[in-house]
Amino acid sequence: MQRSLITPHVRVRGAALQHVVSPTTWRDALRLDFSRTGVAAPLRVGLAVGVVLVVGALLGLRDLAGLAALGALVSAFCRPDPYPVRAPRLIALGVGVTAVIAVGATMGTYANSIVTEIVVTAVLAGIACYVVSALRIVGPGAVIFVFAATGAAGYAHSAADIGRATLASAIGAVIGILIALAPWSVELLRSRLLRSSTDDAASKTPPARRESIWVTLAGGQAPAHRKHLAVTAIRIAVAAAIAATIAVAIHLDHPMWAAMGAVAAMQGVEYHLTVRRGVQRLLGNLGGAVIAGVLLAVPLGYWGAVAGIVIFQVLAEILSTVNYALCSLAVTPMALLLTGLSAGLSPEAAVDRVLDTAIGIVVGIVVAALTVRGHDIAALHGHAANAPQADAEPELPQPNSASNHSRS
């Protein structure tokens, strides 16, 4: 009797692991989709990051500019959403990334063991994944929050540092939000200056249903769906902790990068998205590490690094809708250059990045496979049968209010 119960579970997990090496999976990971490519929104993200890095340097605060840039990255979220929906979501994200940086800075100042850092980072990853998924927010995902916490932990060494890091990230988030909403602000201002009627404005912009962030989190989802999101968040937290622990055990210098690798791979709600993102992130990191290694070996200086960060950030945003591997190809050097602004990195850091990311991806896929559900396997078969349309599927569930809007 016990054997009959175990066998189906083994088969389900075996089928999940088999999907990793399936030719369909790898073809799917390499497929390109240029149908949703845009330039305006990526340029605004690059502008937001560039502004805080330039202003920070001009004020003599280069060590804080990187943390402000992490706050400005909220501008990369919610691109498909109508502006009335996007605004409160970006504000919530700005508050979230500021809070995460405050926690990360506190951890860097007072945590006296790597175990504490791993546990806190894993918990933050789980919470971020739940909130981002529950609010149906499209964008870079929870990995940005883990990146922010890790960066703040590396910067802060005193109580004063905690305050400076938190303030810098808050200012960066405000700048990012303002730039992301700039087209809407300009349109509203122009309408008022021209004394356009409300009906005229409505005829140009389809009305969007506004939402309450708290109502959405508290009861906007069916109980079964909230439970699914909670279980997914726990799985991601566990995978992040395991990946970081393995990285520590083999004496890698940046174990939290392994946690980020696990989070980035698993932040897709469905299993086939976890596998696809894992494959794409691994391929992108391999290529990106080569680029980063070359750039870190060259004496770019602060301004050269800023130029590289902005260029790679814009490229990452453009390529995010084309193929996640190409996006990761740009993200890797951007992240390493940004980290190097305050921490200083050698070319060997690029190798660490690949190793840490590989650990995180493998752990993420294994944890996802061991906890996969039966209907996920059925979805895999349906996904394989419809592989040519795979790239039309979003990384996270699209918000209902934005489902008919393309990226701006």
Foldseek 3Di string as FASTA:
>chain_A
DVVVVVVVLVVLLVLLVVCLPDPLLVVLQPAWDQPQFDQPLLLLLLVLLLVLCVVCVVVVNLLQSLLLNLLLNLSQKDQLFDLLASQVVLVVVSVLLLVLLLVLLVCLAPPDDVLVVLLVLLLQLLVQLLLCQLSLMAGQGSLSSSLSSPLSSVRHHDPVSSVSSSVSSSNSSVSNSCSSCVVVVVVVVVCVVVVPDPVVVCVVPPDFDYDDSVCSSPPVDDPVVSVLSNVLSNLLSVLLSVLLVVCVVVPQPRSNLLSSLQSSLSSQSALSSSSSSLVLLLLLLVLLLVVLLVVLQDCCDSVNLSVLLSVLSSQLSSCVLTHNSSSNVSVNNNSVSSSCSNPNDHSCVSVSSSVSNNSSSVSNSSSCSSPPDPVSSVVVVVCSVVSVCNSVDGSHRHDPRSPPGRRD
